[in-house]
């Protein structure tokens, strides 16, 4: 199990690099770190796509395109979390872990790493706001307070991830791979898609 400090350092380094180069790409030599980097890359893209959706001047057509990009990128994000948990379980299986008799943890390491990824993005952008010049009165102070809260949250979450890793390796805690099973991107499960398709087919057959 990777230490949370290593994951946080990777997240912070990549966020800084990716703001200088687009699109984000991962070249981490360690396979597990590469998975973490790719999952982080999806969050990075999602963050900035959602910024586009909030532009006051965005047209309806632009918003529709952005919404589709959000759906595709969010699916990549969730797929990457599952892939990360799968890789962790495969690595643990070679050591006879997790202990099947240990209590089950409600959240997987992959989901916790996803939360660390989002916190890294929040911290990066909030820190930028603490340096913004010129800024409205009180802006720097408010964002400095927010930054301290975010950094505390990340430190706490990282400590929880490390503790979970220790318990898994000790055989006193386990986690399972949970499929996200998103429905909105599946044409056979999203009513707005399959009802629209059925309506179009009926309309076509009536002519």
C-alpha atoms as a PDB file:
ATOM      1  CA  UNK A   1       0.000   0.000   0.000  1.00  0.00           C
ATOM      2  CA  UNK A   2       1.345   3.418  -0.958  1.00  0.00           C
ATOM      3  CA  UNK A   3       1.845   6.054   1.739  1.00  0.00           C
ATOM      4  CA  UNK A   4      -0.590   8.951   1.565  1.00  0.00           C
ATOM      5  CA  UNK A   5       2.320  11.413   1.548  1.00  0.00           C
ATOM      6  CA  UNK A   6       3.544   9.930  -1.741  1.00  0.00           C
ATOM      7  CA  UNK A   7       0.082  10.211  -3.276  1.00  0.00           C
ATOM      8  CA  UNK A   8      -0.366  13.806  -2.105  1.00  0.00           C
ATOM      9  CA  UNK A   9       3.073  14.762  -3.458  1.00  0.00           C
ATOM     10  CA  UNK A  10       2.203  13.185  -6.833  1.00  0.00           C
ATOM     11  CA  UNK A  11      -1.157  14.968  -6.971  1.00  0.00           C
ATOM     12  CA  UNK A  12       0.405  18.357  -6.174  1.00  0.00           C
ATOM     13  CA  UNK A  13       3.253  17.926  -8.640  1.00  0.00           C
ATOM     14  CA  UNK A  14       0.951  16.900 -11.475  1.00  0.00           C
ATOM     15  CA  UNK A  15      -1.549  19.692 -10.867  1.00  0.00           C
ATOM     16  CA  UNK A  16       1.270  22.236 -11.112  1.00  0.00           C
ATOM     17  CA  UNK A  17       2.682  20.584 -14.243  1.00  0.00           C
ATOM     18  CA  UNK A  18      -0.679  20.212 -15.950  1.00  0.00           C
ATOM     19  CA  UNK A  19      -1.467  23.893 -15.554  1.00  0.00           C
ATOM     20  CA  UNK A  20       1.563  24.490 -17.752  1.00  0.00           C
ATOM     21  CA  UNK A  21       0.825  21.760 -20.340  1.00  0.00           C
ATOM     22  CA  UNK A  22      -2.460  20.612 -21.850  1.00  0.00           C
ATOM     23  CA  UNK A  23      -3.815  17.966 -22.036  1.00  0.00           C
ATOM     24  CA  UNK A  24      -2.670  16.149 -18.889  1.00  0.00           C
ATOM     25  CA  UNK A  25      -0.584  13.071 -19.544  1.00  0.00           C
ATOM     26  CA  UNK A  26       0.983  10.543 -17.188  1.00  0.00           C
ATOM     27  CA  UNK A  27       4.418   9.019 -17.521  1.00  0.00           C
ATOM     28  CA  UNK A  28       4.866   7.584 -14.029  1.00  0.00           C
ATOM     29  CA  UNK A  29       7.249   4.583 -14.055  1.00  0.00           C
ATOM     30  CA  UNK A  30       5.462   2.768 -11.208  1.00  0.00           C
ATOM     31  CA  UNK A  31       2.254   1.071 -12.493  1.00  0.00           C
ATOM     32  CA  UNK A  32       0.249   1.933  -9.375  1.00  0.00           C
ATOM     33  CA  UNK A  33       1.388   5.556  -9.394  1.00  0.00           C
ATOM     34  CA  UNK A  34       0.527   5.688 -13.088  1.00  0.00           C
ATOM     35  CA  UNK A  35      -3.027   4.557 -12.309  1.00  0.00           C
ATOM     36  CA  UNK A  36      -3.287   7.216  -9.599  1.00  0.00           C
ATOM     37  CA  UNK A  37      -1.980   9.819 -12.030  1.00  0.00           C
ATOM     38  CA  UNK A  38      -4.500   8.839 -14.733  1.00  0.00           C
ATOM     39  CA  UNK A  39      -7.363   8.981 -12.248  1.00  0.00           C
ATOM     40  CA  UNK A  40      -6.119  12.393 -11.108  1.00  0.00           C
ATOM     41  CA  UNK A  41      -5.951  13.491 -14.739  1.00  0.00           C
ATOM     42  CA  UNK A  42      -9.658  12.756 -15.178  1.00  0.00           C
ATOM     43  CA  UNK A  43     -10.455  14.889 -12.127  1.00  0.00           C
ATOM     44  CA  UNK A  44      -8.228  17.668 -13.468  1.00  0.00           C
ATOM     45  CA  UNK A  45     -10.068  17.679 -16.795  1.00  0.00           C
ATOM     46  CA  UNK A  46     -13.453  17.455 -15.078  1.00  0.00           C
ATOM     47  CA  UNK A  47     -12.649  20.445 -12.865  1.00  0.00           C
ATOM     48  CA  UNK A  48     -11.856  22.683 -15.820  1.00  0.00           C
ATOM     49  CA  UNK A  49     -14.697  21.421 -18.007  1.00  0.00           C
ATOM     50  CA  UNK A  50     -17.143  22.274 -15.202  1.00  0.00           C
ATOM     51  CA  UNK A  51     -15.633  25.773 -15.068  1.00  0.00           C
ATOM     52  CA  UNK A  52     -16.635  26.162 -18.726  1.00  0.00           C
ATOM     53  CA  UNK A  53     -20.209  25.163 -17.885  1.00  0.00           C
ATOM     54  CA  UNK A  54     -20.464  28.102 -15.481  1.00  0.00           C
ATOM     55  CA  UNK A  55     -19.428  30.801 -17.954  1.00  0.00           C
ATOM     56  CA  UNK A  56     -22.246  33.390 -17.937  1.00  0.00           C
ATOM     57  CA  UNK A  57     -21.857  33.935 -21.692  1.00  0.00           C
ATOM     58  CA  UNK A  58     -22.047  30.225 -22.604  1.00  0.00           C
ATOM     59  CA  UNK A  59     -24.732  29.464 -25.189  1.00  0.00           C
ATOM     60  CA  UNK A  60     -27.226  26.609 -24.876  1.00  0.00           C
ATOM     61  CA  UNK A  61     -25.379  24.702 -27.606  1.00  0.00           C
ATOM     62  CA  UNK A  62     -22.057  25.163 -25.806  1.00  0.00           C
ATOM     63  CA  UNK A  63     -23.579  24.024 -22.513  1.00  0.00           C
ATOM     64  CA  UNK A  64     -24.946  20.881 -24.194  1.00  0.00           C
ATOM     65  CA  UNK A  65     -21.474  20.037 -25.525  1.00  0.00           C
ATOM     66  CA  UNK A  66     -19.908  20.689 -22.122  1.00  0.00           C
ATOM     67  CA  UNK A  67     -22.489  18.470 -20.417  1.00  0.00           C
ATOM     68  CA  UNK A  68     -21.611  15.581 -22.732  1.00  0.00           C
ATOM     69  CA  UNK A  69     -17.910  16.107 -22.035  1.00  0.00           C
ATOM     70  CA  UNK A  70     -18.614  16.106 -18.287  1.00  0.00           C
ATOM     71  CA  UNK A  71     -20.461  12.788 -18.573  1.00  0.00           C
ATOM     72  CA  UNK A  72     -17.658  11.164 -20.579  1.00  0.00           C
ATOM     73  CA  UNK A  73     -14.918  12.450 -18.289  1.00  0.00           C
ATOM     74  CA  UNK A  74     -16.794  11.488 -15.128  1.00  0.00           C
ATOM     75  CA  UNK A  75     -17.155   7.973 -16.522  1.00  0.00           C
ATOM     76  CA  UNK A  76     -13.365   7.871 -17.051  1.00  0.00           C
ATOM     77  CA  UNK A  77     -12.875   9.065 -13.491  1.00  0.00           C
ATOM     78  CA  UNK A  78     -15.062   6.318 -12.044  1.00  0.00           C
ATOM     79  CA  UNK A  79     -13.542   3.652 -14.283  1.00  0.00           C
ATOM     80  CA  UNK A  80     -10.093   4.729 -13.077  1.00  0.00           C
ATOM     81  CA  UNK A  81     -11.138   4.390  -9.419  1.00  0.00           C
ATOM     82  CA  UNK A  82     -12.325   0.836 -10.086  1.00  0.00           C
ATOM     83  CA  UNK A  83      -9.132   0.019 -11.971  1.00  0.00           C
ATOM     84  CA  UNK A  84      -7.061   1.354  -9.075  1.00  0.00           C
ATOM     85  CA  UNK A  85      -8.936  -0.734  -6.503  1.00  0.00           C
ATOM     86  CA  UNK A  86      -8.636  -3.783  -8.750  1.00  0.00           C
ATOM     87  CA  UNK A  87      -4.862  -3.317  -9.006  1.00  0.00           C
ATOM     88  CA  UNK A  88      -4.562  -2.929  -5.233  1.00  0.00           C
ATOM     89  CA  UNK A  89      -6.568  -6.099  -4.654  1.00  0.00           C
ATOM     90  CA  UNK A  90      -4.451  -8.031  -7.155  1.00  0.00           C
ATOM     91  CA  UNK A  91      -1.288  -6.892  -5.379  1.00  0.00           C
ATOM     92  CA  UNK A  92      -2.727  -7.823  -1.990  1.00  0.00           C
ATOM     93  CA  UNK A  93      -3.884 -11.227  -3.266  1.00  0.00           C
ATOM     94  CA  UNK A  94      -0.263 -12.202  -3.891  1.00  0.00           C
ATOM     95  CA  UNK A  95       0.229 -11.831  -0.136  1.00  0.00           C
ATOM     96  CA  UNK A  96      -2.952 -13.662   0.812  1.00  0.00           C
ATOM     97  CA  UNK A  97      -4.787 -10.441   1.633  1.00  0.00           C
ATOM     98  CA  UNK A  98      -7.222  -8.928   2.393  1.00  0.00           C
ATOM     99  CA  UNK A  99      -8.257 -11.231   5.217  1.00  0.00           C
ATOM    100  CA  UNK A 100     -11.774 -12.429   4.244  1.00  0.00           C
ATOM    101  CA  UNK A 101     -12.736 -12.665   7.918  1.00  0.00           C
ATOM    102  CA  UNK A 102     -11.720  -9.095   8.766  1.00  0.00           C
ATOM    103  CA  UNK A 103     -14.350  -6.365   9.204  1.00  0.00           C
ATOM    104  CA  UNK A 104     -15.309  -4.668   5.951  1.00  0.00           C
ATOM    105  CA  UNK A 105     -14.380  -1.027   5.413  1.00  0.00           C
ATOM    106  CA  UNK A 106     -17.188   1.016   3.841  1.00  0.00           C
ATOM    107  CA  UNK A 107     -14.933   3.007   1.505  1.00  0.00           C
ATOM    108  CA  UNK A 108     -12.263   1.633  -0.802  1.00  0.00           C
ATOM    109  CA  UNK A 109      -8.719   3.041  -1.032  1.00  0.00           C
ATOM    110  CA  UNK A 110      -9.491   4.093  -4.604  1.00  0.00           C
ATOM    111  CA  UNK A 111     -12.400   6.250  -3.475  1.00  0.00           C
ATOM    112  CA  UNK A 112     -10.254   7.812  -0.752  1.00  0.00           C
ATOM    113  CA  UNK A 113      -7.535   8.575  -3.313  1.00  0.00           C
ATOM    114  CA  UNK A 114     -10.208  10.143  -5.531  1.00  0.00           C
ATOM    115  CA  UNK A 115     -11.137  12.438  -2.631  1.00  0.00           C
ATOM    116  CA  UNK A 116      -7.453  13.307  -2.126  1.00  0.00           C
ATOM    117  CA  UNK A 117      -7.265  14.156  -5.834  1.00  0.00           C
ATOM    118  CA  UNK A 118     -10.200  16.568  -5.584  1.00  0.00           C
ATOM    119  CA  UNK A 119      -8.710  18.158  -2.465  1.00  0.00           C
ATOM    120  CA  UNK A 120      -5.433  18.692  -4.335  1.00  0.00           C
ATOM    121  CA  UNK A 121      -7.327  20.621  -7.006  1.00  0.00           C
ATOM    122  CA  UNK A 122      -9.231  22.667  -4.427  1.00  0.00           C
ATOM    123  CA  UNK A 123      -6.012  23.469  -2.588  1.00  0.00           C
ATOM    124  CA  UNK A 124      -4.194  24.506  -5.766  1.00  0.00           C
ATOM    125  CA  UNK A 125      -6.940  26.852  -6.907  1.00  0.00           C
ATOM    126  CA  UNK A 126      -7.622  28.239  -3.437  1.00  0.00           C
ATOM    127  CA  UNK A 127      -3.921  28.985  -2.982  1.00  0.00           C
ATOM    128  CA  UNK A 128      -4.028  30.855  -6.291  1.00  0.00           C
ATOM    129  CA  UNK A 129      -6.832  33.004  -4.881  1.00  0.00           C
ATOM    130  CA  UNK A 130      -4.737  33.866  -1.816  1.00  0.00           C
ATOM    131  CA  UNK A 131      -2.182  35.355  -4.237  1.00  0.00           C
ATOM    132  CA  UNK A 132      -4.662  37.112  -6.503  1.00  0.00           C
ATOM    133  CA  UNK A 133      -3.828  40.722  -7.248  1.00  0.00           C
ATOM    134  CA  UNK A 134      -5.818  42.861  -7.405  1.00  0.00           C
ATOM    135  CA  UNK A 135      -8.523  41.192  -5.308  1.00  0.00           C
ATOM    136  CA  UNK A 136     -11.751  42.445  -3.685  1.00  0.00           C
ATOM    137  CA  UNK A 137     -11.547  43.470  -0.006  1.00  0.00           C
ATOM    138  CA  UNK A 138     -11.350  40.431   2.280  1.00  0.00           C
ATOM    139  CA  UNK A 139     -10.839  38.016  -0.623  1.00  0.00           C
ATOM    140  CA  UNK A 140      -7.318  36.972   0.312  1.00  0.00           C
ATOM    141  CA  UNK A 141      -8.241  36.567   3.975  1.00  0.00           C
ATOM    142  CA  UNK A 142     -11.319  34.425   3.217  1.00  0.00           C
ATOM    143  CA  UNK A 143      -9.369  32.170   0.913  1.00  0.00           C
ATOM    144  CA  UNK A 144      -6.482  31.863   3.364  1.00  0.00           C
ATOM    145  CA  UNK A 145      -8.997  30.528   5.898  1.00  0.00           C
ATOM    146  CA  UNK A 146     -10.435  28.154   3.296  1.00  0.00           C
ATOM    147  CA  UNK A 147      -6.943  26.963   2.407  1.00  0.00           C
ATOM    148  CA  UNK A 148      -6.159  26.095   6.029  1.00  0.00           C
ATOM    149  CA  UNK A 149      -9.401  24.085   6.287  1.00  0.00           C
ATOM    150  CA  UNK A 150      -8.714  22.223   3.040  1.00  0.00           C
ATOM    151  CA  UNK A 151      -5.172  21.362   4.078  1.00  0.00           C
ATOM    152  CA  UNK A 152      -6.442  20.065   7.431  1.00  0.00           C
ATOM    153  CA  UNK A 153      -9.068  17.957   5.661  1.00  0.00           C
ATOM    154  CA  UNK A 154      -6.436  16.488   3.352  1.00  0.00           C
ATOM    155  CA  UNK A 155      -4.074  15.720   6.225  1.00  0.00           C
ATOM    156  CA  UNK A 156      -6.889  13.958   8.093  1.00  0.00           C
ATOM    157  CA  UNK A 157      -7.953  11.966   5.033  1.00  0.00           C
ATOM    158  CA  UNK A 158      -4.356  10.981   4.292  1.00  0.00           C
ATOM    159  CA  UNK A 159      -3.945   9.754   7.863  1.00  0.00           C
ATOM    160  CA  UNK A 160      -7.136   7.704   7.512  1.00  0.00           C
ATOM    161  CA  UNK A 161      -5.849   6.163   4.274  1.00  0.00           C
ATOM    162  CA  UNK A 162      -2.546   5.253   5.923  1.00  0.00           C
ATOM    163  CA  UNK A 163      -4.367   3.710   8.868  1.00  0.00           C
ATOM    164  CA  UNK A 164      -6.596   1.678   6.552  1.00  0.00           C
ATOM    165  CA  UNK A 165      -3.501   0.434   4.711  1.00  0.00           C
ATOM    166  CA  UNK A 166      -1.893  -0.675   7.961  1.00  0.00           C
ATOM    167  CA  UNK A 167      -5.046  -2.518   9.025  1.00  0.00           C
ATOM    168  CA  UNK A 168      -5.394  -4.242   5.650  1.00  0.00           C
ATOM    169  CA  UNK A 169      -1.764  -5.405   5.764  1.00  0.00           C
ATOM    170  CA  UNK A 170      -2.266  -6.568   9.353  1.00  0.00           C
ATOM    171  CA  UNK A 171      -5.335  -8.563   8.312  1.00  0.00           C
ATOM    172  CA  UNK A 172      -7.680  -6.625  10.614  1.00  0.00           C
ATOM    173  CA  UNK A 173      -9.602  -4.766   7.896  1.00  0.00           C
ATOM    174  CA  UNK A 174     -10.634  -5.502   4.320  1.00  0.00           C
ATOM    175  CA  UNK A 175     -12.262  -3.785   1.364  1.00  0.00           C
ATOM    176  CA  UNK A 176     -14.107  -5.016  -1.689  1.00  0.00           C
ATOM    177  CA  UNK A 177     -14.173  -3.855  -5.291  1.00  0.00           C
ATOM    178  CA  UNK A 178     -17.414  -1.974  -5.828  1.00  0.00           C
ATOM    179  CA  UNK A 179     -18.541  -1.313  -9.373  1.00  0.00           C
ATOM    180  CA  UNK A 180     -19.929   2.210  -9.735  1.00  0.00           C
ATOM    181  CA  UNK A 181     -22.555   0.952 -12.225  1.00  0.00           C
ATOM    182  CA  UNK A 182     -23.321   4.409 -13.576  1.00  0.00           C
ATOM    183  CA  UNK A 183     -26.598   4.413 -15.484  1.00  0.00           C
ATOM    184  CA  UNK A 184     -26.687   7.781 -17.234  1.00  0.00           C
ATOM    185  CA  UNK A 185     -24.178   6.862 -19.969  1.00  0.00           C
ATOM    186  CA  UNK A 186     -25.794   3.500 -20.770  1.00  0.00           C
ATOM    187  CA  UNK A 187     -28.402   3.827 -23.556  1.00  0.00           C
ATOM    188  CA  UNK A 188     -30.177   0.705 -22.266  1.00  0.00           C
ATOM    189  CA  UNK A 189     -30.542   2.069 -18.705  1.00  0.00           C
ATOM    190  CA  UNK A 190     -31.138   5.812 -19.099  1.00  0.00           C
ATOM    191  CA  UNK A 191     -34.899   6.376 -19.671  1.00  0.00           C
ATOM    192  CA  UNK A 192     -34.269   9.724 -21.363  1.00  0.00           C
ATOM    193  CA  UNK A 193     -32.201   7.901 -23.996  1.00  0.00           C
ATOM    194  CA  UNK A 194     -34.161   4.720 -24.608  1.00  0.00           C
ATOM    195  CA  UNK A 195     -37.574   6.433 -24.530  1.00  0.00           C
ATOM    196  CA  UNK A 196     -36.320   9.020 -27.006  1.00  0.00           C
ATOM    197  CA  UNK A 197     -34.978   6.267 -29.257  1.00  0.00           C
ATOM    198  CA  UNK A 198     -38.279   4.382 -29.066  1.00  0.00           C
ATOM    199  CA  UNK A 199     -40.199   7.552 -29.916  1.00  0.00           C
ATOM    200  CA  UNK A 200     -37.997   8.227 -32.911  1.00  0.00           C
ATOM    201  CA  UNK A 201     -38.465   4.642 -34.092  1.00  0.00           C
ATOM    202  CA  UNK A 202     -42.263   4.906 -33.797  1.00  0.00           C
ATOM    203  CA  UNK A 203     -42.183   8.200 -35.674  1.00  0.00           C
ATOM    204  CA  UNK A 204     -40.034   6.640 -38.413  1.00  0.00           C
ATOM    205  CA  UNK A 205     -42.308   3.603 -38.730  1.00  0.00           C
ATOM    206  CA  UNK A 206     -45.394   5.797 -39.046  1.00  0.00           C
ATOM    207  CA  UNK A 207     -44.095   7.311 -42.286  1.00  0.00           C
END
